[in-house]
Amino acid sequence: MYYTYCLESIKNKKLYIGFTNNLKRRFLEHNNGLGGEFTKNNGPWKLIFYEAHINENDARKMELFYKSGYGREILKGKLDNYFKNSEIV
């Protein structure tokens, strides 16, 4: 399986969207400072969303979509109750 996921920074509420074929491993990497500069500087992280795909290209496509302006709005819509309860703007 391939996963598109969204992390929220516990430190500053910033969001990170990514793609992986091993969600548990990648989440641990992000929280241990093994990701890129953005995830290293804004952690620790919590996983707030993921979706599974059988096809790798589909997962990559969704990662790029969620990283777009319109895609972020769709993602925030999917997580509407989460964001209302955690008071994120």
N, C-alpha and C. Protein backbone atom coordinates (compact mmCIF):
# COMPACT_ATOMS: atom_id res chain seq x y z
N MET A 1 0.85 -1.19 0.00
CA MET A 1 0.00 0.00 0.00
C MET A 1 0.89 1.24 0.00
N TYR A 2 0.32 2.32 -0.49
CA TYR A 2 0.98 3.63 -0.51
C TYR A 2 0.06 4.61 0.20
N TYR A 3 0.64 5.54 0.90
CA TYR A 3 -0.14 6.42 1.76
C TYR A 3 0.15 7.89 1.47
N THR A 4 -0.91 8.66 1.41
CA THR A 4 -0.83 10.11 1.42
C THR A 4 -1.24 10.52 2.83
N TYR A 5 -0.49 11.41 3.45
CA TYR A 5 -0.76 11.71 4.85
C TYR A 5 -0.57 13.19 5.16
N CYS A 6 -1.14 13.60 6.27
CA CYS A 6 -1.01 14.98 6.74
C CYS A 6 -0.61 14.93 8.21
N LEU A 7 0.44 15.67 8.52
CA LEU A 7 0.91 15.82 9.90
C LEU A 7 0.63 17.23 10.36
N GLU A 8 0.41 17.36 11.66
CA GLU A 8 0.25 18.68 12.27
C GLU A 8 1.35 18.85 13.30
N SER A 9 2.02 19.99 13.25
CA SER A 9 3.06 20.28 14.22
C SER A 9 2.44 20.54 15.59
N ILE A 10 2.92 19.85 16.59
CA ILE A 10 2.47 20.09 17.96
C ILE A 10 3.03 21.44 18.44
N LYS A 11 4.19 21.79 17.92
CA LYS A 11 4.89 23.02 18.31
C LYS A 11 4.17 24.29 17.83
N ASN A 12 3.76 24.30 16.54
CA ASN A 12 3.22 25.55 15.99
C ASN A 12 2.00 25.39 15.08
N LYS A 13 1.41 24.20 15.05
CA LYS A 13 0.18 23.91 14.30
C LYS A 13 0.35 23.94 12.78
N LYS A 14 1.57 24.01 12.26
CA LYS A 14 1.78 23.96 10.81
C LYS A 14 1.46 22.56 10.30
N LEU A 15 1.07 22.49 9.04
CA LEU A 15 0.72 21.22 8.42
C LEU A 15 1.82 20.78 7.46
N TYR A 16 2.00 19.48 7.36
CA TYR A 16 2.91 18.89 6.40
C TYR A 16 2.18 17.76 5.69
N ILE A 17 2.28 17.73 4.38
CA ILE A 17 1.63 16.70 3.58
C ILE A 17 2.72 15.89 2.89
N GLY A 18 2.58 14.57 2.95
CA GLY A 18 3.59 13.71 2.35
C GLY A 18 3.01 12.45 1.77
N PHE A 19 3.90 11.62 1.27
CA PHE A 19 3.56 10.35 0.64
C PHE A 19 4.61 9.32 1.04
N THR A 20 4.20 8.08 1.26
CA THR A 20 5.14 7.02 1.64
C THR A 20 4.55 5.65 1.35
N ASN A 21 5.40 4.64 1.39
CA ASN A 21 4.91 3.27 1.28
C ASN A 21 4.96 2.57 2.64
N ASN A 22 5.42 3.30 3.67
CA ASN A 22 5.47 2.75 5.03
C ASN A 22 5.16 3.87 6.02
N LEU A 23 3.90 4.01 6.35
CA LEU A 23 3.44 5.15 7.14
C LEU A 23 4.05 5.17 8.53
N LYS A 24 4.13 4.04 9.22
CA LYS A 24 4.69 4.01 10.57
C LYS A 24 6.15 4.44 10.57
N ARG A 25 6.93 3.89 9.64
CA ARG A 25 8.35 4.23 9.56
C ARG A 25 8.54 5.72 9.26
N ARG A 26 7.77 6.23 8.30
CA ARG A 26 7.92 7.63 7.89
C ARG A 26 7.52 8.57 9.02
N PHE A 27 6.47 8.24 9.75
CA PHE A 27 6.05 9.06 10.87
C PHE A 27 7.14 9.13 11.93
N LEU A 28 7.73 7.98 12.24
CA LEU A 28 8.84 7.95 13.21
C LEU A 28 10.03 8.75 12.70
N GLU A 29 10.32 8.67 11.42
CA GLU A 29 11.43 9.46 10.85
C GLU A 29 11.18 10.94 11.03
N HIS A 30 9.97 11.39 10.72
CA HIS A 30 9.65 12.81 10.89
C HIS A 30 9.85 13.25 12.34
N ASN A 31 9.41 12.45 13.27
CA ASN A 31 9.51 12.82 14.68
C ASN A 31 10.91 12.64 15.26
N ASN A 32 11.78 11.95 14.55
CA ASN A 32 13.16 11.80 14.99
C ASN A 32 14.12 12.70 14.21
N GLY A 33 13.57 13.69 13.51
CA GLY A 33 14.40 14.66 12.79
C GLY A 33 15.05 14.12 11.54
N LEU A 34 14.52 13.05 10.96
CA LEU A 34 15.13 12.45 9.78
C LEU A 34 14.44 12.86 8.49
N GLY A 35 13.51 13.77 8.56
CA GLY A 35 12.86 14.27 7.35
C GLY A 35 13.66 15.44 6.80
N GLY A 36 13.04 16.24 6.00
CA GLY A 36 13.69 17.44 5.47
C GLY A 36 13.75 18.53 6.51
N GLU A 37 14.25 19.68 6.11
CA GLU A 37 14.40 20.82 7.02
C GLU A 37 13.07 21.25 7.64
N PHE A 38 12.01 21.26 6.84
CA PHE A 38 10.72 21.71 7.35
C PHE A 38 10.25 20.84 8.50
N THR A 39 10.27 19.53 8.30
CA THR A 39 9.77 18.66 9.36
C THR A 39 10.74 18.61 10.53
N LYS A 40 12.02 18.75 10.27
CA LYS A 40 13.01 18.75 11.34
C LYS A 40 12.83 19.97 12.25
N ASN A 41 12.55 21.12 11.64
CA ASN A 41 12.45 22.38 12.40
C ASN A 41 11.09 22.63 13.03
N ASN A 42 10.07 21.90 12.63
CA ASN A 42 8.72 22.18 13.12
C ASN A 42 8.12 21.06 13.96
N GLY A 43 8.86 19.99 14.20
CA GLY A 43 8.35 18.88 15.01
C GLY A 43 8.34 19.21 16.48
N PRO A 44 7.75 18.39 17.28
CA PRO A 44 7.19 17.07 17.00
C PRO A 44 5.85 17.15 16.25
N TRP A 45 5.49 16.02 15.66
CA TRP A 45 4.33 15.94 14.80
C TRP A 45 3.31 14.94 15.32
N LYS A 46 2.06 15.17 14.91
CA LYS A 46 1.03 14.15 15.12
C LYS A 46 0.35 13.91 13.78
N LEU A 47 -0.03 12.68 13.56
CA LEU A 47 -0.70 12.28 12.34
C LEU A 47 -2.18 12.63 12.47
N ILE A 48 -2.69 13.44 11.54
CA ILE A 48 -4.10 13.83 11.63
C ILE A 48 -4.94 13.29 10.47
N PHE A 49 -4.27 12.77 9.42
CA PHE A 49 -5.02 12.27 8.27
C PHE A 49 -4.12 11.36 7.45
N TYR A 50 -4.69 10.29 6.93
CA TYR A 50 -4.01 9.51 5.91
C TYR A 50 -5.04 8.79 5.07
N GLU A 51 -4.65 8.48 3.85
CA GLU A 51 -5.48 7.66 2.99
C GLU A 51 -4.57 6.67 2.28
N ALA A 52 -5.08 5.47 2.06
CA ALA A 52 -4.30 4.40 1.46
C ALA A 52 -4.65 4.25 -0.02
N HIS A 53 -3.62 3.92 -0.80
CA HIS A 53 -3.78 3.71 -2.23
C HIS A 53 -3.07 2.42 -2.62
N ILE A 54 -3.65 1.69 -3.53
CA ILE A 54 -2.99 0.49 -4.05
C ILE A 54 -1.90 0.87 -5.05
N ASN A 55 -2.13 1.95 -5.78
CA ASN A 55 -1.22 2.37 -6.83
C ASN A 55 -0.33 3.52 -6.36
N GLU A 56 0.97 3.39 -6.55
CA GLU A 56 1.92 4.43 -6.12
C GLU A 56 1.66 5.77 -6.80
N ASN A 57 1.38 5.74 -8.09
CA ASN A 57 1.14 7.00 -8.81
C ASN A 57 -0.10 7.72 -8.30
N ASP A 58 -1.11 6.98 -7.89
CA ASP A 58 -2.31 7.61 -7.32
C ASP A 58 -1.97 8.31 -6.01
N ALA A 59 -1.16 7.70 -5.18
CA ALA A 59 -0.77 8.31 -3.91
C ALA A 59 0.06 9.57 -4.15
N ARG A 60 0.99 9.52 -5.08
CA ARG A 60 1.81 10.69 -5.41
C ARG A 60 0.95 11.83 -5.96
N LYS A 61 0.00 11.46 -6.79
CA LYS A 61 -0.92 12.45 -7.37
C LYS A 61 -1.71 13.16 -6.28
N MET A 62 -2.19 12.38 -5.29
CA MET A 62 -2.96 12.99 -4.20
C MET A 62 -2.07 13.85 -3.31
N GLU A 63 -0.81 13.46 -3.11
CA GLU A 63 0.11 14.29 -2.35
C GLU A 63 0.25 15.66 -3.02
N LEU A 64 0.49 15.66 -4.31
CA LEU A 64 0.63 16.93 -5.03
C LEU A 64 -0.66 17.74 -4.99
N PHE A 65 -1.79 17.06 -5.10
CA PHE A 65 -3.07 17.75 -5.03
C PHE A 65 -3.27 18.42 -3.67
N TYR A 66 -3.03 17.67 -2.58
CA TYR A 66 -3.23 18.23 -1.24
C TYR A 66 -2.25 19.36 -0.94
N LYS A 67 -1.12 19.40 -1.63
CA LYS A 67 -0.16 20.47 -1.44
C LYS A 67 -0.54 21.73 -2.21
N SER A 68 -1.50 21.63 -3.13
CA SER A 68 -1.96 22.79 -3.88
C SER A 68 -2.93 23.60 -3.02
N GLY A 69 -3.17 24.82 -3.40
CA GLY A 69 -4.10 25.67 -2.65
C GLY A 69 -5.49 25.07 -2.56
N TYR A 70 -6.02 24.63 -3.69
CA TYR A 70 -7.35 24.04 -3.70
C TYR A 70 -7.35 22.72 -2.93
N GLY A 71 -6.30 21.94 -3.09
CA GLY A 71 -6.20 20.67 -2.38
C GLY A 71 -6.18 20.84 -0.87
N ARG A 72 -5.49 21.88 -0.40
CA ARG A 72 -5.47 22.16 1.05
C ARG A 72 -6.87 22.49 1.55
N GLU A 73 -7.63 23.21 0.74
CA GLU A 73 -9.00 23.54 1.12
C GLU A 73 -9.85 22.27 1.21
N ILE A 74 -9.67 21.37 0.25
CA ILE A 74 -10.41 20.10 0.27
C ILE A 74 -10.02 19.29 1.51
N LEU A 75 -8.73 19.22 1.79
CA LEU A 75 -8.25 18.48 2.96
C LEU A 75 -8.81 19.09 4.24
N LYS A 76 -8.79 20.40 4.33
CA LYS A 76 -9.34 21.06 5.53
C LYS A 76 -10.84 20.79 5.64
N GLY A 77 -11.52 20.68 4.50
CA GLY A 77 -12.94 20.33 4.52
C GLY A 77 -13.17 18.92 5.04
N LYS A 78 -12.30 18.00 4.65
CA LYS A 78 -12.41 16.63 5.14
C LYS A 78 -12.18 16.56 6.65
N LEU A 79 -11.39 17.48 7.15
CA LEU A 79 -11.02 17.49 8.58
C LEU A 79 -11.71 18.64 9.32
N ASP A 80 -12.82 19.07 8.81
CA ASP A 80 -13.53 20.23 9.34
C ASP A 80 -13.76 20.15 10.85
N ASN A 81 -14.27 19.04 11.33
CA ASN A 81 -14.54 18.92 12.77
C ASN A 81 -13.25 18.91 13.58
N TYR A 82 -12.21 18.28 13.05
CA TYR A 82 -10.93 18.27 13.75
C TYR A 82 -10.42 19.70 13.93
N PHE A 83 -10.45 20.48 12.85
CA PHE A 83 -9.94 21.85 12.94
C PHE A 83 -10.82 22.74 13.81
N LYS A 84 -12.12 22.51 13.79
CA LYS A 84 -13.00 23.30 14.67
C LYS A 84 -12.70 23.01 16.13
N ASN A 85 -12.45 21.74 16.45
CA ASN A 85 -12.17 21.36 17.84
C ASN A 85 -10.79 21.73 18.31
N SER A 86 -9.84 21.90 17.38
CA SER A 86 -8.49 22.26 17.81
C SER A 86 -8.19 23.73 17.58
N GLU A 87 -9.20 24.48 17.13
CA GLU A 87 -9.11 25.92 16.96
C GLU A 87 -7.97 26.35 16.07
N ILE A 88 -7.79 25.66 14.94
CA ILE A 88 -6.79 26.05 13.97
C ILE A 88 -7.46 26.95 12.94
N VAL A 89 -6.79 28.00 12.57
CA VAL A 89 -7.32 28.91 11.56
C VAL A 89 -6.96 28.41 10.19
